[in-house]
Protein backbone atom coordinates (compact mmCIF):
# COMPACT_ATOMS: atom_id res chain seq x y z
CA MET A 1 -0.31 0.23 -0.05
CA ASN A 2 3.03 2.66 0.25
CA ASN A 3 3.05 2.55 -3.37
CA LEU A 4 -0.24 4.47 -3.10
CA LEU A 5 2.17 7.80 -2.19
CA LEU A 6 3.36 7.89 -5.62
CA ILE A 7 -0.40 9.29 -6.51
CA ILE A 8 0.63 12.27 -4.20
CA PRO A 9 2.65 14.44 -6.52
CA ALA A 10 0.27 13.47 -9.44
CA ALA A 11 -2.51 14.66 -7.71
CA ILE A 12 -0.62 17.94 -6.34
CA VAL A 13 0.52 18.12 -10.43
CA TYR A 14 -3.40 17.65 -11.21
CA ILE A 15 -4.55 20.48 -8.95
CA SER A 16 -2.03 22.71 -9.88
CA ILE A 17 -2.12 22.56 -13.80
CA LEU A 18 -5.67 22.71 -13.65
CA VAL A 19 -5.75 25.71 -11.50
CA MET A 20 -3.30 27.35 -13.65
CA PHE A 21 -5.59 26.89 -16.70
CA PHE A 22 -8.69 27.98 -15.47
CA LYS A 23 -7.33 31.17 -14.11
CA GLN A 24 -6.57 31.89 -17.91
CA ALA A 25 -10.42 32.17 -18.26
CA ASN A 26 -10.29 35.23 -16.81
CA PRO A 27 -7.73 38.31 -18.11
CA SER A 28 -4.36 39.27 -16.61
CA ASN A 29 -2.64 42.55 -17.49
CA HIS A 30 -5.18 42.62 -20.35
CA ILE A 31 -3.95 39.04 -21.48
CA LEU A 32 -6.84 36.78 -22.27
CA PHE A 33 -5.87 33.23 -23.42
CA GLY A 34 -2.37 34.08 -24.00
CA VAL A 35 -3.91 36.90 -26.46
CA THR A 36 -3.35 40.90 -25.77
CA LEU A 37 -6.22 42.70 -25.78
CA PRO A 38 -7.84 45.89 -25.28
CA PRO A 39 -10.16 46.95 -22.64
CA LYS A 40 -13.33 46.97 -24.74
CA ALA A 41 -12.56 43.54 -26.33
CA PHE A 42 -13.38 42.30 -22.68
CA ASN A 43 -17.40 42.90 -23.12
CA ASP A 44 -17.45 41.36 -26.70
CA ALA A 45 -20.04 38.54 -26.82
CA ALA A 46 -17.77 36.31 -28.93
CA ILE A 47 -14.89 36.76 -26.03
CA LYS A 48 -17.67 35.95 -23.37
CA GLN A 49 -18.66 32.94 -25.54
CA PHE A 50 -14.95 31.76 -25.83
CA GLN A 51 -14.83 32.13 -21.77
CA SER A 52 -17.55 29.63 -20.78
CA GLU A 53 -16.54 27.26 -23.62
CA TYR A 54 -13.09 27.20 -22.13
CA LYS A 55 -14.28 26.97 -18.59
CA LYS A 56 -16.43 23.77 -20.18
CA ALA A 57 -13.47 22.12 -22.00
CA TYR A 58 -11.33 22.13 -18.95
CA ALA A 59 -14.49 20.82 -16.52
CA ILE A 60 -14.70 17.96 -19.21
CA TYR A 61 -11.23 17.85 -18.83
CA GLY A 62 -10.66 17.64 -15.61
CA ILE A 63 -13.11 14.62 -15.19
CA ILE A 64 -11.05 12.88 -17.67
CA ALA A 65 -7.87 13.09 -16.14
CA LEU A 66 -8.96 12.51 -12.79
CA ILE A 67 -10.37 8.96 -14.23
CA THR A 68 -7.00 8.40 -15.52
CA LEU A 69 -5.63 8.27 -11.93
CA ALA A 70 -7.51 5.24 -11.22
CA PRO A 71 -4.89 2.82 -12.00
CA PHE A 72 -2.60 4.09 -9.56
CA PHE A 73 -5.03 2.22 -7.11
CA LEU A 74 -5.67 -1.02 -9.64
CA LEU A 75 -1.43 -0.87 -9.56
CA SER A 76 -0.85 -0.25 -5.73
CA ASP A 77 0.72 -3.93 -5.57
CA TYR A 78 3.28 -3.70 -8.17
CA PHE A 79 5.71 -0.94 -7.40
CA SER A 80 7.40 -0.64 -10.82
CA LEU A 81 4.30 -0.56 -13.22
CA THR A 82 2.78 1.99 -10.71
CA LEU A 83 6.31 4.16 -11.04
CA SER A 84 6.26 3.63 -14.42
CA TYR A 85 2.69 4.77 -15.22
CA MET A 86 3.33 7.46 -12.99
CA PHE A 87 5.95 8.82 -15.48
CA LEU A 88 3.72 7.81 -18.50
CA TRP A 89 0.93 10.00 -16.72
CA PHE A 90 2.89 12.95 -15.89
CA ALA A 91 4.19 13.35 -19.83
CA ALA A 92 0.73 12.68 -20.82
CA PHE A 93 -1.08 15.12 -18.63
CA LEU A 94 1.39 18.06 -18.91
CA TYR A 95 1.20 17.85 -23.15
CA SER A 96 -2.42 17.21 -22.95
CA SER A 97 -3.73 19.75 -20.41
CA LYS A 98 -2.54 22.57 -23.22
CA LEU A 99 -4.69 21.23 -25.61
CA PRO A 100 -7.99 22.99 -24.63
CA PHE A 101 -5.75 26.22 -24.15
CA ASN A 102 -4.57 26.04 -27.40
CA LYS A 103 -7.95 25.79 -29.01
CA ILE A 104 -9.70 28.63 -27.77
CA HIS A 105 -5.94 30.82 -27.79
CA HIS A 106 -6.52 30.11 -31.98
CA LYS A 107 -10.26 30.91 -32.13
CA THR A 108 -9.27 34.46 -29.66
CA ALA A 109 -6.36 35.45 -31.89
CA ALA A 110 -8.07 34.81 -35.19
CA LEU A 111 -11.02 37.11 -33.67
CA LYS A 112 -8.40 40.03 -32.44
CA ARG A 113 -6.99 39.80 -36.16
CA GLU A 114 -10.69 39.97 -37.59
CA LYS A 115 -11.79 43.21 -34.84
CA GLN A 116 -8.37 44.74 -35.41
CA TRP A 117 -8.02 44.65 -31.75
CA PHE A 118 -4.28 45.41 -31.57
CA VAL A 119 -2.13 46.66 -28.76
CA GLY A 120 1.30 48.51 -29.03
CA GLU A 121 3.06 48.61 -31.81
CA LYS A 122 1.95 46.79 -35.24
CA LYS A 123 4.05 44.20 -37.25
CA ILE A 124 3.44 42.64 -40.66
CA ILE A 125 4.39 38.87 -40.73
CA ARG A 126 4.81 37.67 -44.10
CA ILE A 127 3.36 34.23 -44.61
CA ASP A 128 5.43 33.57 -47.80
CA ALA A 129 8.67 33.15 -46.59
CA LYS A 130 7.39 30.36 -44.42
CA VAL A 131 5.32 28.67 -47.03
CA THR A 132 8.52 28.77 -49.04
CA GLN A 133 10.29 26.84 -46.64
CA LEU A 134 7.62 24.32 -46.14
CA LYS A 135 7.37 23.44 -49.77
CA LYS A 136 11.06 22.46 -49.55
CA SER A 137 10.27 19.96 -47.25
CA THR A 138 11.42 16.15 -48.32
CA LEU A 139 10.64 12.87 -46.29
CA ALA A 140 12.76 11.33 -43.72
CA SER A 141 15.76 8.75 -45.12
CA PRO A 142 14.54 5.62 -45.52
CA TYR A 143 18.05 4.44 -44.47
CA TRP A 144 16.93 5.08 -41.12
CA PHE A 145 15.33 1.70 -41.16
CA MET A 146 18.45 0.01 -41.19
CA ILE A 147 19.14 0.79 -37.54
CA PRO A 148 16.12 -1.17 -36.16
CA ALA A 149 16.94 -3.78 -38.86
CA LEU A 150 20.19 -4.44 -38.10
CA LEU A 151 19.10 -5.01 -34.31
CA SER A 152 16.56 -7.21 -35.19
CA VAL A 153 19.08 -9.38 -37.44
CA VAL A 154 21.85 -9.63 -34.78
CA PRO A 155 19.77 -11.67 -32.39
CA ILE A 156 18.77 -13.76 -35.58
CA LEU A 157 22.42 -14.42 -36.39
CA LEU A 158 23.14 -15.66 -33.04
CA SER A 159 20.17 -17.91 -32.12
CA PHE A 160 21.95 -19.92 -35.27
CA ILE A 161 25.21 -19.92 -33.44
CA ASN A 162 23.58 -21.18 -29.94
CA THR A 163 20.22 -22.70 -31.08
CA ASN A 164 18.25 -20.26 -29.16
CA MET A 165 14.44 -20.58 -30.46
CA LEU A 166 13.42 -17.78 -28.09
CA LEU A 167 16.06 -15.48 -29.88
CA ARG A 168 15.06 -16.49 -33.05
CA MET A 169 11.12 -15.50 -32.40
CA THR A 170 12.22 -12.43 -30.89
CA GLY A 171 14.49 -11.29 -33.63
CA PHE A 172 11.52 -12.28 -36.51
CA ALA A 173 8.59 -10.93 -34.85
CA SER A 174 11.15 -7.28 -34.22
CA LEU A 175 12.16 -7.54 -37.84
CA ALA A 176 8.43 -8.04 -38.97
CA MET A 177 7.43 -5.00 -36.95
CA THR A 178 10.39 -2.92 -39.18
CA VAL A 179 8.80 -4.23 -42.19
CA ILE A 180 5.14 -3.42 -40.96
CA LEU A 181 6.53 0.13 -40.03
CA TYR A 182 8.14 0.75 -43.60
CA ALA A 183 5.24 -0.42 -45.50
CA ILE A 184 3.44 2.58 -43.23
CA TYR A 185 6.24 5.46 -43.74
CA ALA A 186 5.85 4.32 -47.63
CA ALA A 187 2.45 4.59 -47.73
CA PHE A 188 2.02 7.98 -45.62
CA GLY A 189 4.89 9.20 -48.04
CA ASN A 190 2.65 8.52 -50.93
CA MET A 191 -1.06 9.81 -49.20
CA LYS A 192 -3.40 11.43 -51.61
CA THR A 193 -2.64 15.18 -51.44
CA LYS A 194 -5.33 17.22 -49.24
CA VAL A 195 -7.12 20.62 -50.52
CA TYR A 196 -6.81 23.18 -47.62
CA SER A 197 -6.87 26.48 -49.46
CA LYS A 198 -7.56 27.86 -52.95
CA ASN A 199 -3.88 28.49 -52.51
CA HIS A 200 -1.67 25.91 -54.39
CA ASP A 201 1.27 27.04 -52.40
CA ILE A 202 -0.43 26.60 -49.01
CA ASN A 203 -1.66 23.23 -50.01
CA ALA A 204 1.83 22.04 -50.88
CA ALA A 205 3.58 23.50 -48.09
CA ILE A 206 0.79 21.86 -45.53
CA ASN A 207 1.04 18.36 -47.26
CA ARG A 208 5.01 18.22 -47.88
CA ALA A 209 5.45 19.33 -44.16
CA ALA A 210 2.93 16.78 -42.96
CA ARG A 211 4.71 13.72 -45.16
CA ARG A 212 7.70 14.72 -43.60
CA TYR A 213 6.50 14.77 -39.61
CA TRP A 214 5.00 11.32 -40.22
CA SER A 215 8.01 10.21 -42.06
CA ILE A 216 10.22 10.63 -39.17
CA LEU A 217 8.01 9.08 -36.61
CA TRP A 218 7.47 5.77 -38.14
CA PRO A 219 11.68 4.44 -38.24
CA ILE A 220 11.75 6.11 -34.50
CA LEU A 221 8.78 3.97 -33.77
CA ALA A 222 10.49 0.88 -35.00
CA ILE A 223 13.76 1.56 -33.31
CA PHE A 224 11.48 1.96 -30.03
CA GLU A 225 9.92 -1.62 -31.13
CA SER A 226 13.39 -3.38 -31.94
CA ILE A 227 14.36 -2.36 -27.88
CA ASN A 228 11.32 -3.40 -26.65
CA ALA A 229 11.84 -7.01 -28.32
CA TYR A 230 15.27 -7.03 -26.41
CA VAL A 231 13.49 -6.10 -23.08
CA ALA A 232 10.90 -8.80 -23.39
CA TYR A 233 13.40 -11.06 -24.19
CA THR A 234 15.86 -10.17 -21.60
CA ILE A 235 12.50 -10.57 -19.12
CA LEU A 236 11.64 -14.05 -20.25
CA THR A 237 15.41 -15.47 -20.13
CA GLN A 238 15.57 -14.42 -16.56
CA GLY A 239 12.78 -16.58 -15.30
CA SER A 240 10.46 -13.71 -14.97
CA SER A 241 7.09 -14.61 -12.79
CA LEU A 242 5.16 -11.93 -13.89
CA SER A 243 1.16 -12.64 -13.59
CA PHE A 244 -0.82 -12.37 -16.48
CA THR A 245 -2.34 -9.50 -15.45
CA GLN A 246 0.87 -7.91 -15.17
CA TRP A 247 1.70 -8.69 -18.53
CA ILE A 248 -1.58 -7.23 -19.92
CA ILE A 249 -1.00 -4.36 -18.22
CA GLY A 250 3.00 -3.95 -19.43
CA ILE A 251 1.68 -4.36 -22.90
CA ILE A 252 -0.90 -1.63 -22.54
CA MET A 253 1.62 0.64 -20.93
CA VAL A 254 4.24 0.00 -23.61
CA SER A 255 1.55 0.90 -26.47
CA LEU A 256 0.66 4.36 -25.00
CA VAL A 257 4.37 5.36 -25.96
CA PRO A 258 3.42 4.58 -29.81
CA LEU A 259 0.27 5.87 -29.43
CA GLY A 260 1.45 8.93 -27.97
CA SER A 261 4.03 9.83 -30.45
CA ILE A 262 0.75 9.22 -33.31
CA PHE A 263 -1.29 11.43 -31.49
CA PHE A 264 1.45 14.27 -30.97
CA VAL A 265 2.90 14.04 -34.53
CA HIS A 266 -1.17 14.38 -35.60
CA ASN A 267 -1.74 17.52 -33.46
CA LYS A 268 1.55 19.05 -34.94
CA VAL A 269 0.19 18.68 -38.35
CA HIS A 270 -3.27 19.86 -37.30
CA ALA A 271 -1.69 23.10 -35.52
CA LEU A 272 0.04 23.51 -38.92
CA GLU A 273 -2.94 23.21 -40.84
CA GLU A 274 -4.63 25.84 -38.88
CA SER A 275 -2.29 28.49 -38.75
CA LEU A 276 -1.37 28.34 -43.05
CA ALA A 277 -4.99 27.57 -43.85
CA GLU A 278 -6.99 30.68 -41.84
CA THR A 279 -4.17 32.92 -43.81
CA ASP A 280 -4.63 32.12 -47.22
CA GLY A 281 -0.78 32.60 -47.83
CA GLU A 282 -1.72 36.25 -46.90
CA SER A 283 0.55 38.53 -44.69
CA ILE A 284 -0.58 39.22 -41.26
CA VAL A 285 -0.78 42.23 -39.48
CA THR A 286 0.10 41.49 -35.41
CA ASP A 287 1.43 42.91 -32.44
CA ASN A 288 4.04 41.18 -29.75
CA ASP A 289 1.48 38.40 -29.69
CA ALA A 290 3.41 37.42 -32.80
CA TYR A 291 6.26 35.97 -30.73
CA TRP A 292 3.81 33.81 -28.61
CA ILE A 293 3.22 30.36 -30.22
CA ASN A 294 0.31 29.00 -28.91
CA GLY A 295 0.27 31.75 -26.16
CA SER A 296 2.44 30.20 -24.42
CA THR A 297 6.14 29.61 -26.20
CA TYR A 298 8.01 32.40 -26.67
CA PHE A 299 10.14 32.62 -29.98
CA ASN A 300 11.47 36.00 -30.83
CA PRO A 301 14.89 36.29 -32.84
CA GLU A 302 15.12 39.67 -32.19
CA ASP A 303 15.32 39.30 -28.53
CA LYS A 304 18.42 38.09 -27.34
CA ALA A 305 17.41 37.43 -23.79
CA ILE A 306 17.16 33.40 -22.79
CA MET A 307 14.95 34.13 -19.91
CA VAL A 308 11.42 36.14 -20.13
CA PRO A 309 8.43 36.34 -18.09
CA LYS A 310 5.77 33.47 -18.73
CA ARG A 311 2.44 34.70 -20.07
CA VAL A 312 0.74 31.48 -19.13
CA GLY A 313 1.27 30.41 -15.68
CA ILE A 314 4.13 31.97 -12.84
CA GLY A 315 8.11 32.06 -13.53
CA SER A 316 9.75 32.31 -16.24
CA THR A 317 10.09 30.55 -19.53
CA VAL A 318 13.08 30.64 -22.50
CA ASN A 319 13.36 31.76 -25.63
CA MET A 320 13.11 29.30 -28.20
CA ALA A 321 14.71 31.52 -30.70
CA THR A 322 18.16 31.78 -28.81
CA ARG A 323 20.54 28.76 -28.91
CA GLY A 324 20.46 28.81 -24.71
CA GLY A 325 16.93 28.54 -24.94
CA LYS A 326 16.90 25.24 -27.11
CA TRP A 327 19.81 23.97 -24.89
CA ILE A 328 17.59 24.49 -21.58
CA GLN A 329 14.39 23.01 -22.98
CA TYR A 330 15.44 20.23 -25.25
CA GLY A 331 18.31 19.71 -22.83
CA GLY A 332 15.68 19.27 -20.04
CA ILE A 333 13.94 16.93 -21.86
CA VAL A 334 16.95 14.48 -22.44
CA LEU A 335 18.04 14.81 -19.13
CA ALA A 336 14.36 13.85 -17.69
CA LEU A 337 14.42 10.52 -19.98
CA VAL A 338 17.84 9.65 -19.21
CA ILE A 339 17.07 9.77 -15.50
CA ILE A 340 13.45 8.45 -16.13
CA ILE A 341 14.28 5.63 -17.93
CA PRO A 342 16.79 3.81 -16.11
CA LEU A 343 15.01 4.43 -13.05
CA ALA A 344 11.72 3.02 -14.53
CA ALA A 345 14.10 -0.16 -15.90
CA PHE A 346 15.53 -0.69 -12.49
CA ALA A 347 12.21 -0.77 -10.46
CA VAL A 348 10.75 -3.16 -13.33
CA GLN A 349 14.19 -5.49 -12.45
CA SER A 350 13.73 -4.96 -8.85
CA ASP A 351 10.11 -6.15 -8.94
CA ASN A 352 11.13 -9.24 -11.25
CA THR A 353 14.68 -10.63 -9.63
CA SER A 354 15.29 -11.68 -6.11
CA PRO A 355 18.39 -11.39 -4.46
CA LEU A 356 20.66 -14.70 -4.54
CA LEU A 357 23.29 -15.86 -1.84
CA THR A 358 25.82 -18.48 -2.71
CA ILE A 359 28.73 -19.90 -0.41
CA ASN A 360 31.61 -21.62 -2.34
CA ASP A 361 33.76 -24.23 -1.08
CA SER A 362 36.50 -21.79 0.42
CA GLY A 363 33.69 -19.98 2.52
CA SER A 364 33.24 -17.06 0.60
CA VAL A 365 29.62 -15.72 0.44
CA SER A 366 27.87 -13.76 -2.32
CA ILE A 367 24.95 -12.05 -2.67
CA ASP A 368 24.03 -11.20 -6.07
CA TYR A 369 21.40 -8.33 -6.85
CA PRO A 370 21.51 -5.33 -9.48
CA LEU A 371 23.66 -2.06 -8.14
CA TYR A 372 23.53 -3.88 -4.26
CA ASP A 373 26.04 -6.58 -5.05
CA TYR A 374 27.99 -7.74 -1.65
CA SER A 375 30.40 -10.40 -0.65
CA PHE A 376 32.21 -11.44 2.36
CA ASN A 377 34.20 -14.55 3.91
CA MET A 378 32.62 -16.63 6.81
CA SER A 379 35.55 -16.09 8.47
CA ASP A 380 34.58 -12.46 8.91
CA VAL A 381 31.53 -13.38 10.59
CA LYS A 382 30.93 -12.63 14.11
CA GLU A 383 27.50 -14.45 14.63
CA VAL A 384 24.65 -15.59 12.67
CA THR A 385 21.10 -15.49 13.81
CA LEU A 386 17.43 -16.24 12.99
CA GLU A 387 14.86 -13.60 13.84
CA ASN A 388 11.28 -13.35 13.09
CA GLU A 389 11.10 -9.43 13.42
CA LEU A 390 12.75 -6.58 11.46
CA PRO A 391 13.66 -3.79 13.49
CA SER A 392 12.74 -0.31 12.28
CA GLY A 393 15.16 2.03 10.42
CA PHE A 394 15.78 4.00 7.40
CA ARG A 395 16.99 3.66 3.91
CA THR A 396 20.16 5.42 3.50
CA ASN A 397 21.19 4.00 -0.28
CA GLY A 398 18.58 1.56 -1.59
CA THR A 399 15.22 0.30 -2.70
CA ALA A 400 12.24 -0.07 -0.29
CA THR A 401 8.50 -0.98 -1.35
CA ALA A 402 5.83 -2.05 0.66
CA GLU A 403 6.85 -5.91 -0.46
CA TYR A 404 10.36 -5.84 -0.16
CA ALA A 405 14.06 -3.69 0.71
CA ARG A 406 17.25 -3.98 -0.67
CA GLY A 407 20.29 -1.93 -0.57
CA ASN A 408 21.66 0.19 2.27
CA PHE A 409 19.64 0.91 5.48
CA SER A 410 20.52 2.15 9.13
CA LEU A 411 18.61 -0.11 11.56
CA ASP A 412 18.03 0.72 15.19
CA LYS A 413 20.10 -0.23 17.49
CA LEU A 414 22.26 -2.25 14.92
CA GLY A 415 23.41 0.77 12.71
CA ALA A 416 24.29 0.36 9.39
CA ALA A 417 23.19 -2.74 7.50
CA LYS A 418 22.67 -4.18 4.15
CA LEU A 419 19.13 -5.55 3.52
CA TYR A 420 17.71 -8.31 0.95
CA VAL A 421 14.34 -9.12 2.30
CA PHE A 422 11.02 -9.94 1.81
CA LYS A 423 9.01 -7.43 4.63
CA ASN A 424 6.44 -9.74 5.17
CA SER A 425 7.72 -13.07 4.95
CA PRO A 426 9.50 -14.00 8.03
CA PRO A 427 11.97 -15.23 9.30
CA TYR A 428 15.33 -13.04 8.37
CA ILE A 429 18.80 -14.45 8.94
CA PHE A 430 20.83 -11.94 10.69
CA ILE A 431 24.28 -12.10 9.42
CA GLN A 432 26.85 -9.70 11.90
CA LEU A 433 30.03 -8.57 10.51
CA ASP A 434 32.70 -6.09 12.07
CA GLY A 435 30.41 -2.62 12.17
CA LEU A 436 27.89 -3.78 9.66
CA TYR A 437 24.92 -6.45 9.36
CA VAL A 438 23.48 -8.54 6.67
CA VAL A 439 19.83 -9.32 6.97
CA PHE A 440 18.34 -11.89 4.04
CA ASN A 441 15.46 -13.96 3.42
CA ASP A 442 13.57 -16.12 1.19
CA LYS A 443 9.98 -15.54 0.06
CA ASP A 444 9.99 -19.10 0.91
CA ALA A 445 10.20 -19.50 5.04
CA ALA A 446 11.49 -23.29 4.56
CA LYS A 447 14.25 -22.24 2.06
CA THR A 448 15.24 -19.44 4.52
CA GLU A 449 15.90 -21.57 7.32
CA ALA A 450 17.99 -24.00 5.22
CA LEU A 451 19.88 -21.09 4.22
CA TYR A 452 20.37 -20.15 8.09
CA HIS A 453 21.51 -23.52 8.93
CA GLU A 454 23.88 -24.18 5.94
CA LEU A 455 25.72 -20.65 7.18
CA ALA A 456 25.43 -21.56 10.82
CA SER A 457 27.21 -24.65 10.17
CA ARG A 458 29.95 -23.02 8.10
CA LYS A 459 30.84 -20.42 10.69
CA PRO A 460 34.16 -21.16 12.23
CA GLN A 461 33.88 -21.85 15.95
CA PRO A 462 36.00 -19.95 18.31
CA ALA A 463 39.12 -22.06 19.48
CA ALA A 464 38.66 -23.98 22.43
CA SER A 465 41.01 -22.44 25.59
């Protein structure tokens, strides 16, 4: 049940984000929905309608997002799955929470241009330059599919050397998925041209850009699926005891990444369609709002400042037109992935790997467990006891869930200790070393007792006086 504590940060983010976006329904410093408006605009009937529509959209979104918190309770017995779901939920919620705001922002910005509600200095943005650039968009190279293809071929070749049928099946399954995604890539590259405007240049720009966006997605997903095949093979060969329910949940969670990626590209293409089709290729008269993409992302090549005050929310945001702003934005995402992916992988491995204690003929004792391997000699053991209770304490460097505790801890009255225990499966073997206790048990009490007797019998006896 301790795993339910993971819902606390999710609940805090849920409340904070929704409160922040609900506040955007009221003007602040003449800004509404990320759009600067003159005082007279706030009494306009259309603006009032947008405010009502906005509040309703976020009320519905809030209910849907609240329902997505339910898996935190359903997965409460599986720490690794709860942790993985938390990371996926954060990513999906933070991304999708902007969508209702973006929709109303575009409507408000369009109404502002129609009503000529400009504030401050007017600017003219030429759309033809952007259209010309997008018309040059080309498909991502099909050679990118060589990466997942090679990742698939390697296990197939290795399987012929050691006659490993599971490895061979893994490679062929990965290769088949790569072929399928390549076929989708080719189909999207030749998809029928859509008509968005009477301006042929606009149609060409949107269609070429859309094909490029989709062509980048498919090889990335092929690489992702190839890596997934390796992960699945590793779990199977390590003798994982995942239940059917856990497998189903894991499959669903892995599916969220491709679905989320497809949803992301779809929205990116849709945003491009809206921004270009509504202008019909003509230049736009605007003010400083032109520097705020979707009302929240600042992009101003003329401003050398890296950080600027936010329009939506509190604090500062980066200027994405500067090199430093891009490094901060994309570097932060990469850093988060570098931390989150290994952490989630370790949590999954911890949930499905039990510590293994072995004693060799020379009296050397080894405990094998990811990141927390430890070994000592029986000659260094001062005492070995079998206890039915664990003393309280705290973790100093390790992992602990409602089911197990592994790594470095500090225990009451005992001090420094290395724990490799299933918490609710007594008894526990206490091995006293010089300034350190090693506590170990197996989920099966009979195996723990048998291991204790073996350790006790191998402990050197004090010399007779």
